[in-house]
Protein backbone atom coordinates (compact mmCIF):
# COMPACT_ATOMS: atom_id res chain seq x y z
CA UNK A 1 47.07 15.68 296.28
CA UNK A 2 48.03 16.09 292.44
CA UNK A 3 46.35 18.18 290.08
CA UNK A 4 45.15 17.08 286.47
CA UNK A 5 43.00 19.87 285.79
CA UNK A 6 45.42 22.15 284.26
CA UNK A 7 42.66 24.90 284.27
CA UNK A 8 43.58 24.18 288.34
CA UNK A 9 47.65 24.77 288.26
CA UNK A 10 50.07 27.38 288.61
CA UNK A 11 52.44 27.90 285.63
CA UNK A 12 54.81 26.20 287.45
CA UNK A 13 53.16 22.91 288.64
CA UNK A 14 52.33 22.95 284.49
CA UNK A 15 55.78 23.86 283.20
CA UNK A 16 56.91 20.94 286.25
CA UNK A 17 54.48 18.42 284.55
CA UNK A 18 54.56 18.93 281.25
CA UNK A 19 58.38 18.32 281.32
CA UNK A 20 57.54 15.01 282.12
CA UNK A 21 56.17 14.89 278.11
CA UNK A 22 52.62 14.18 279.37
CA UNK A 23 49.43 13.18 277.61
CA UNK A 24 47.18 15.72 277.43
CA UNK A 25 43.17 14.95 277.14
CA UNK A 26 40.90 17.94 275.39
CA UNK A 27 37.46 16.76 275.78
CA UNK A 28 34.36 18.46 273.55
CA UNK A 29 31.16 17.85 273.03
CA UNK A 30 28.11 20.21 272.30
CA UNK A 31 25.11 22.34 273.82
CA UNK A 32 22.26 20.77 272.19
CA UNK A 33 18.71 19.45 272.31
CA UNK A 34 18.37 15.70 273.17
CA UNK A 35 14.75 15.56 273.60
CA UNK A 36 11.94 17.19 275.96
CA UNK A 37 13.62 14.98 279.00
CA UNK A 38 17.12 15.53 279.14
CA UNK A 39 19.87 19.28 279.57
CA UNK A 40 21.09 20.41 276.16
CA UNK A 41 24.78 20.37 277.64
CA UNK A 42 25.72 17.01 276.10
CA UNK A 43 29.64 18.55 276.79
CA UNK A 44 29.11 17.83 280.70
CA UNK A 45 29.36 13.84 279.84
CA UNK A 46 32.50 14.13 277.71
CA UNK A 47 33.93 16.77 280.91
CA UNK A 48 33.12 13.95 283.71
CA UNK A 49 35.34 11.35 281.45
CA UNK A 50 37.91 13.48 280.79
CA UNK A 51 38.29 14.30 284.58
CA UNK A 52 37.92 10.75 285.41
CA UNK A 53 40.54 9.43 283.34
CA UNK A 54 42.56 11.78 284.02
CA UNK A 55 42.56 10.34 287.43
CA UNK A 56 43.15 7.03 287.17
CA UNK A 57 46.02 6.98 284.64
CA UNK A 58 47.84 10.41 285.58
CA UNK A 59 47.43 12.45 282.56
CA UNK A 60 46.10 16.23 282.57
CA UNK A 61 42.91 17.30 280.66
CA UNK A 62 41.39 21.21 279.81
CA UNK A 63 38.09 22.19 280.71
CA UNK A 64 35.78 21.08 278.30
CA UNK A 65 34.70 23.29 274.77
CA UNK A 66 31.60 23.22 275.29
CA UNK A 67 29.30 24.28 271.63
CA UNK A 68 30.32 22.54 268.44
CA UNK A 69 28.31 22.28 264.95
CA UNK A 70 24.85 21.62 265.49
CA UNK A 71 23.18 22.40 262.75
CA UNK A 72 20.60 19.94 262.37
CA UNK A 73 19.52 20.87 266.06
CA UNK A 74 19.60 24.35 265.28
CA UNK A 75 15.85 24.37 265.53
CA UNK A 76 15.28 23.30 269.03
CA UNK A 77 15.35 26.42 271.73
CA UNK A 78 18.88 25.83 273.35
CA UNK A 79 21.21 24.83 271.23
CA UNK A 80 24.83 26.26 270.10
CA UNK A 81 25.66 25.74 266.82
CA UNK A 82 29.36 26.62 265.45
CA UNK A 83 30.49 27.00 262.01
CA UNK A 84 33.14 24.33 261.57
CA UNK A 85 35.88 27.04 260.07
CA UNK A 86 35.26 28.48 264.24
CA UNK A 87 35.90 24.94 266.16
CA UNK A 88 38.64 24.71 263.61
CA UNK A 89 40.57 27.17 264.07
CA UNK A 90 39.34 27.05 268.14
CA UNK A 91 41.12 23.31 268.97
CA UNK A 92 43.44 24.83 266.65
CA UNK A 93 44.69 27.47 268.64
CA UNK A 94 44.34 24.64 271.40
CA UNK A 95 46.79 22.85 270.29
CA UNK A 96 49.00 25.59 268.92
CA UNK A 97 49.38 26.81 272.72
CA UNK A 98 49.67 23.42 274.20
CA UNK A 99 52.39 22.73 271.35
CA UNK A 100 54.14 25.50 272.16
CA UNK A 101 55.17 24.56 275.40
CA UNK A 102 56.15 20.73 275.24
CA UNK A 103 53.96 19.03 274.76
CA UNK A 104 53.64 16.28 272.07
CA UNK A 105 50.06 13.69 272.67
CA UNK A 106 47.19 15.37 272.41
CA UNK A 107 44.04 13.03 273.24
CA UNK A 108 40.81 14.60 272.46
CA UNK A 109 37.65 13.04 274.20
CA UNK A 110 34.89 14.09 271.80
CA UNK A 111 31.32 13.25 272.75
CA UNK A 112 29.27 14.86 269.57
CA UNK A 113 29.41 12.99 266.05
CA UNK A 114 28.62 17.04 264.66
CA UNK A 115 32.27 18.27 265.38
CA UNK A 116 34.03 14.23 264.07
CA UNK A 117 34.89 16.24 260.22
CA UNK A 118 37.12 19.23 262.17
CA UNK A 119 39.12 17.26 264.94
CA UNK A 120 40.43 15.36 262.08
CA UNK A 121 41.05 18.53 259.83
CA UNK A 122 43.21 20.18 263.11
CA UNK A 123 44.60 16.47 263.98
CA UNK A 124 45.79 15.69 260.54
CA UNK A 125 46.73 19.69 260.09
CA UNK A 126 48.85 19.50 263.86
CA UNK A 127 50.15 16.36 262.70
CA UNK A 128 51.94 17.09 259.37
CA UNK A 129 53.48 20.73 260.84
CA UNK A 130 54.44 19.62 264.13
CA UNK A 131 54.88 15.90 264.06
CA UNK A 132 53.48 15.07 267.47
CA UNK A 133 50.90 12.79 267.94
CA UNK A 134 47.44 13.27 268.42
CA UNK A 135 44.11 10.58 267.85
CA UNK A 136 40.29 11.31 269.19
CA UNK A 137 38.01 8.38 270.71
CA UNK A 138 33.72 9.05 269.61
CA UNK A 139 32.53 8.48 273.00
CA UNK A 140 29.10 7.20 272.05
CA UNK A 141 30.19 5.22 268.81
CA UNK A 142 32.49 3.83 270.88
CA UNK A 143 30.12 1.64 272.42
CA UNK A 144 30.15 -1.88 271.33
CA UNK A 145 27.32 -4.16 270.16
CA UNK A 146 28.40 -6.86 272.43
CA UNK A 147 28.64 -4.39 275.55
CA UNK A 148 25.09 -2.64 274.78
CA UNK A 149 23.36 -6.25 274.70
CA UNK A 150 24.77 -6.41 278.66
CA UNK A 151 23.93 -2.91 279.76
CA UNK A 152 20.58 -2.97 277.90
CA UNK A 153 19.62 -6.84 278.17
CA UNK A 154 17.56 -6.48 274.89
CA UNK A 155 18.00 -7.02 271.34
CA UNK A 156 17.23 -4.04 269.81
CA UNK A 157 19.49 -1.48 270.37
CA UNK A 158 17.45 1.99 271.96
CA UNK A 159 20.21 3.90 270.47
CA UNK A 160 19.42 7.31 268.85
CA UNK A 161 19.67 11.04 269.58
CA UNK A 162 17.75 12.11 272.40
CA UNK A 163 17.58 8.85 273.65
CA UNK A 164 20.16 6.29 274.86
CA UNK A 165 23.22 6.15 275.33
CA UNK A 166 22.93 9.91 276.54
CA UNK A 167 19.55 9.93 278.58
CA UNK A 168 20.85 7.55 280.90
CA UNK A 169 24.60 8.72 281.35
CA UNK A 170 22.72 12.34 282.26
CA UNK A 171 20.28 10.60 284.68
CA UNK A 172 23.98 9.52 286.11
CA UNK A 173 25.32 12.51 286.38
CA UNK A 174 22.96 15.16 286.95
CA UNK A 175 19.16 13.37 288.08
CA UNK A 176 18.29 16.71 289.07
CA UNK A 177 18.07 18.06 286.16
CA UNK A 178 16.64 15.65 284.28
CA UNK A 179 12.95 15.93 283.45
CA UNK A 180 11.24 12.77 281.92
CA UNK A 181 7.77 13.44 282.61
CA UNK A 182 8.33 15.18 279.22
CA UNK A 183 8.84 12.85 277.60
CA UNK A 184 5.84 11.33 275.06
CA UNK A 185 5.51 8.28 272.79
CA UNK A 186 5.29 9.56 269.58
CA UNK A 187 5.90 8.74 266.52
CA UNK A 188 9.25 9.77 263.87
CA UNK A 189 9.06 9.80 260.48
CA UNK A 190 10.37 7.64 258.48
CA UNK A 191 10.93 9.17 256.06
CA UNK A 192 11.25 12.12 254.12
CA UNK A 193 9.69 12.59 250.36
CA UNK A 194 10.84 9.59 248.65
CA UNK A 195 13.81 8.39 250.82
CA UNK A 196 13.78 6.38 253.60
CA UNK A 197 15.33 7.96 256.85
CA UNK A 198 17.96 6.05 258.36
CA UNK A 199 19.20 8.52 260.97
CA UNK A 200 19.87 12.27 261.31
CA UNK A 201 22.53 12.40 258.26
CA UNK A 202 21.50 9.18 256.10
CA UNK A 203 18.78 7.97 253.92
CA UNK A 204 18.39 5.03 251.89
CA UNK A 205 17.62 4.13 248.20
CA UNK A 206 17.44 0.14 247.59
CA UNK A 207 19.76 -0.84 250.48
CA UNK A 208 22.24 2.13 249.24
CA UNK A 209 23.24 4.73 251.94
CA UNK A 210 22.87 8.56 250.80
CA UNK A 211 23.44 11.29 252.52
CA UNK A 212 20.16 13.45 253.21
CA UNK A 213 20.58 17.00 254.91
CA UNK A 214 17.79 17.10 257.24
CA UNK A 215 16.84 18.81 260.21
CA UNK A 216 15.94 17.17 263.22
CA UNK A 217 12.51 18.18 263.24
CA UNK A 218 11.95 16.87 259.94
CA UNK A 219 12.12 13.33 261.76
CA UNK A 220 11.38 14.35 264.88
CA UNK A 221 8.95 17.36 266.86
CA UNK A 222 10.91 15.82 270.10
CA UNK A 223 13.68 16.32 269.36
CA UNK A 224 14.33 12.39 269.74
CA UNK A 225 15.42 8.91 267.49
CA UNK A 226 15.63 5.87 269.47
CA UNK A 227 14.31 4.90 272.58
CA UNK A 228 14.71 6.90 275.85
CA UNK A 229 12.59 4.96 278.04
CA UNK A 230 15.03 2.20 278.44
CA UNK A 231 17.52 4.87 280.25
CA UNK A 232 18.09 4.36 284.06
CA UNK A 233 20.98 6.18 286.03
CA UNK A 234 22.34 2.28 286.98
CA UNK A 235 22.62 2.34 283.71
CA UNK A 236 24.47 5.59 283.14
CA UNK A 237 26.96 4.97 285.38
CA UNK A 238 27.99 1.77 283.40
CA UNK A 239 28.35 3.02 280.65
CA UNK A 240 30.78 5.61 281.56
CA UNK A 241 32.98 3.45 283.79
CA UNK A 242 33.35 1.44 280.50
CA UNK A 243 34.37 4.49 279.02
CA UNK A 244 36.79 5.58 281.35
CA UNK A 245 38.70 2.29 281.63
CA UNK A 246 38.79 2.66 277.67
CA UNK A 247 40.04 5.58 277.99
CA UNK A 248 42.59 5.02 279.91
CA UNK A 249 43.42 1.99 278.06
CA UNK A 250 43.80 4.19 275.15
CA UNK A 251 45.87 7.09 277.08
CA UNK A 252 48.31 3.61 278.42
CA UNK A 253 48.87 3.26 274.44
CA UNK A 254 49.58 7.10 273.62
CA UNK A 255 52.06 7.14 276.43
CA UNK A 256 54.05 4.12 275.09
CA UNK A 257 53.66 5.57 271.52
CA UNK A 258 57.35 7.85 270.44
CA UNK A 259 57.11 10.90 268.44
CA UNK A 260 59.47 11.81 265.82
CA UNK A 261 59.59 15.07 267.08
C-alpha cells in the first residue's frame, strides 16, 4: 500500500517520493471555541481533508498544524491562540525544510480564517526567495452560495462561526464528541456601540464596511453566529466530499504547473 503521510514514512521512502516532484499538502487550522456544542479542534477537519486528498491524488501531506491566530476567541476556555509572528516562523521553517530537499509545490489546506494573512506573507516570501509554487485554499470560504443552497435546501445561509459548516462537518467526523444538548437558542448583539455588527471582524456604517477589533463575547455569549440547528452528519459528509473533490482538482492543476527553479 502506498503511503501518503510523510510522518508515517521512512526517510528513504521520502527521498524516493521527493524525486518525483510531488505536491505536498500542509493542513492548518486552529484550536478555538465553536459554540457550546462543537469540539474546539477544528484543525481536525483540515487534517481529514488533506489525508483524503493525498490518497485520491497521489500527493503527500504533513501532520496538521493545530494552532493558529485566534485572538478574538481567547475569552473562551480551550482556545489556544498563537501570535502571528509565531505562526509565520513555524510555517516558514516547515516550508524551508521541504524546499531544502527538493519540494517545489506546496499546498496549504487552511481551515481557519485567522491564518490567512500569515500564510500569504510566507507564501510570498518563499516564492520571491526560492522561486517555487505555493498556493493555499481557505476551506470554508470556498463553499460557494450555489453549493450551500443545494446542501441546506433553504434561501438563508446558516453559515457563521460556531454554526455552519463546522457543526455539520464535526457531526460527521466526530459524532460521539458533539454536545448538541448544550446548545441554546439565543439573541446575539447586533450592535457594538454605534456600529452595526456584520461579522466577527467587520461592522457597517451607512452601508460601508469598517473593520472592528472586537471579541466574540461582544457578539455572543455562546460563541455562535449563524444557525447551528441546521447541522447534520449527512450534510457534513456532503461538505467533506465536496471539498476533497475540489482540492483534488487543485492538486491536479498544481502538478501541471511548472516552476522557474
